[in-house]
Amino acid sequence: MNSPNTITLPQPAQKRNIHYMIRMTREERAALNALARQSKVSTAEMVRHLLFQAVALCAEQREAAVEA
């Protein structure tokens, strides 16, 4: 994985059938929409991508803590 501060572009989407719903402010939604638009992907793709980058980072940190 890249450094924690690096945002990579999402990979092409797979067919998905599970839904998560979250609440956010208008400002949070606008920030996600802007980032997605800048990256030329849908907002859903960007949110999914950022979520799984965070999951991967947490897993790496957990593994590093176990090894320490």
C-alpha atoms as a PDB file:
ATOM      1  CA  MET A   1       0.000   0.000   0.000  1.00  0.00           C
ATOM      2  CA  ASN A   2       1.060   3.603  -0.468  1.00  0.00           C
ATOM      3  CA  SER A   3       1.957   5.947   2.360  1.00  0.00           C
ATOM      4  CA  PRO A   4      -1.016   6.832   4.595  1.00  0.00           C
ATOM      5  CA  ASN A   5      -1.276  10.310   3.054  1.00  0.00           C
ATOM      6  CA  THR A   6      -1.411   9.114  -0.559  1.00  0.00           C
ATOM      7  CA  ILE A   7      -4.800   8.796  -2.218  1.00  0.00           C
ATOM      8  CA  THR A   8      -4.740   6.486  -5.209  1.00  0.00           C
ATOM      9  CA  LEU A   9      -7.366   6.275  -7.926  1.00  0.00           C
ATOM     10  CA  PRO A  10     -10.068   3.606  -7.630  1.00  0.00           C
ATOM     11  CA  GLN A  11      -9.943   0.491  -9.774  1.00  0.00           C
ATOM     12  CA  PRO A  12     -12.818  -0.335 -12.162  1.00  0.00           C
ATOM     13  CA  ALA A  13     -16.011  -1.307 -10.349  1.00  0.00           C
ATOM     14  CA  GLN A  14     -17.243  -4.834  -9.760  1.00  0.00           C
ATOM     15  CA  LYS A  15     -20.924  -5.736  -9.578  1.00  0.00           C
ATOM     16  CA  ARG A  16     -22.067  -5.216  -5.990  1.00  0.00           C
ATOM     17  CA  ASN A  17     -25.309  -6.029  -4.218  1.00  0.00           C
ATOM     18  CA  ILE A  18     -24.664  -5.044  -0.577  1.00  0.00           C
ATOM     19  CA  HIS A  19     -25.599  -1.516   0.564  1.00  0.00           C
ATOM     20  CA  TYR A  20     -24.374   0.590   3.489  1.00  0.00           C
ATOM     21  CA  MET A  21     -26.091   3.839   4.364  1.00  0.00           C
ATOM     22  CA  ILE A  22     -24.337   6.624   6.266  1.00  0.00           C
ATOM     23  CA  ARG A  23     -25.373  10.057   7.415  1.00  0.00           C
ATOM     24  CA  MET A  24     -23.254  13.095   6.648  1.00  0.00           C
ATOM     25  CA  THR A  25     -23.511  16.851   6.504  1.00  0.00           C
ATOM     26  CA  ARG A  26     -23.999  18.768   3.279  1.00  0.00           C
ATOM     27  CA  GLU A  27     -20.422  19.986   3.610  1.00  0.00           C
ATOM     28  CA  GLU A  28     -19.057  16.440   3.941  1.00  0.00           C
ATOM     29  CA  ARG A  29     -21.074  15.353   0.925  1.00  0.00           C
ATOM     30  CA  ALA A  30     -19.844  18.327  -1.098  1.00  0.00           C
ATOM     31  CA  ALA A  31     -16.224  17.508  -0.202  1.00  0.00           C
ATOM     32  CA  LEU A  32     -16.644  13.886  -1.320  1.00  0.00           C
ATOM     33  CA  ASN A  33     -18.400  14.942  -4.515  1.00  0.00           C
ATOM     34  CA  ALA A  34     -15.619  17.417  -5.307  1.00  0.00           C
ATOM     35  CA  LEU A  35     -12.879  14.833  -4.731  1.00  0.00           C
ATOM     36  CA  ALA A  36     -14.684  12.296  -6.896  1.00  0.00           C
ATOM     37  CA  ARG A  37     -15.219  14.844  -9.658  1.00  0.00           C
ATOM     38  CA  GLN A  38     -11.524  15.824  -9.582  1.00  0.00           C
ATOM     39  CA  SER A  39     -10.584  12.139  -9.818  1.00  0.00           C
ATOM     40  CA  LYS A  40     -13.111  11.527 -12.627  1.00  0.00           C
ATOM     41  CA  VAL A  41     -14.937   8.749 -10.763  1.00  0.00           C
ATOM     42  CA  SER A  42     -18.377   8.502  -9.195  1.00  0.00           C
ATOM     43  CA  THR A  43     -18.842   9.576  -5.601  1.00  0.00           C
ATOM     44  CA  ALA A  44     -19.782   5.994  -4.661  1.00  0.00           C
ATOM     45  CA  GLU A  45     -16.541   4.695  -6.199  1.00  0.00           C
ATOM     46  CA  MET A  46     -14.523   7.301  -4.317  1.00  0.00           C
ATOM     47  CA  VAL A  47     -16.204   6.586  -0.966  1.00  0.00           C
ATOM     48  CA  ARG A  48     -15.710   2.845  -1.428  1.00  0.00           C
ATOM     49  CA  HIS A  49     -12.089   3.356  -2.390  1.00  0.00           C
ATOM     50  CA  LEU A  50     -11.319   5.611   0.588  1.00  0.00           C
ATOM     51  CA  LEU A  51     -13.086   3.214   2.946  1.00  0.00           C
ATOM     52  CA  PHE A  52     -11.021   0.257   1.838  1.00  0.00           C
ATOM     53  CA  GLN A  53      -7.787   2.264   1.898  1.00  0.00           C
ATOM     54  CA  ALA A  54      -8.572   2.966   5.562  1.00  0.00           C
ATOM     55  CA  VAL A  55      -9.338  -0.722   6.200  1.00  0.00           C
ATOM     56  CA  ALA A  56      -6.010  -1.736   4.634  1.00  0.00           C
ATOM     57  CA  LEU A  57      -4.120   0.884   6.656  1.00  0.00           C
ATOM     58  CA  CYS A  58      -5.696  -0.317   9.911  1.00  0.00           C
ATOM     59  CA  ALA A  59      -4.772  -3.911   9.067  1.00  0.00           C
ATOM     60  CA  GLU A  60      -1.166  -2.877   8.352  1.00  0.00           C
ATOM     61  CA  GLN A  61      -0.945  -0.962  11.621  1.00  0.00           C
ATOM     62  CA  ARG A  62      -2.398  -3.897  13.541  1.00  0.00           C
ATOM     63  CA  GLU A  63       0.136  -6.282  11.970  1.00  0.00           C
ATOM     64  CA  ALA A  64       2.995  -3.891  12.742  1.00  0.00           C
ATOM     65  CA  ALA A  65       1.878  -3.651  16.375  1.00  0.00           C
ATOM     66  CA  VAL A  66       1.795  -7.445  16.684  1.00  0.00           C
ATOM     67  CA  GLU A  67       5.284  -7.734  15.190  1.00  0.00           C
ATOM     68  CA  ALA A  68       6.704  -5.046  17.518  1.00  0.00           C
END
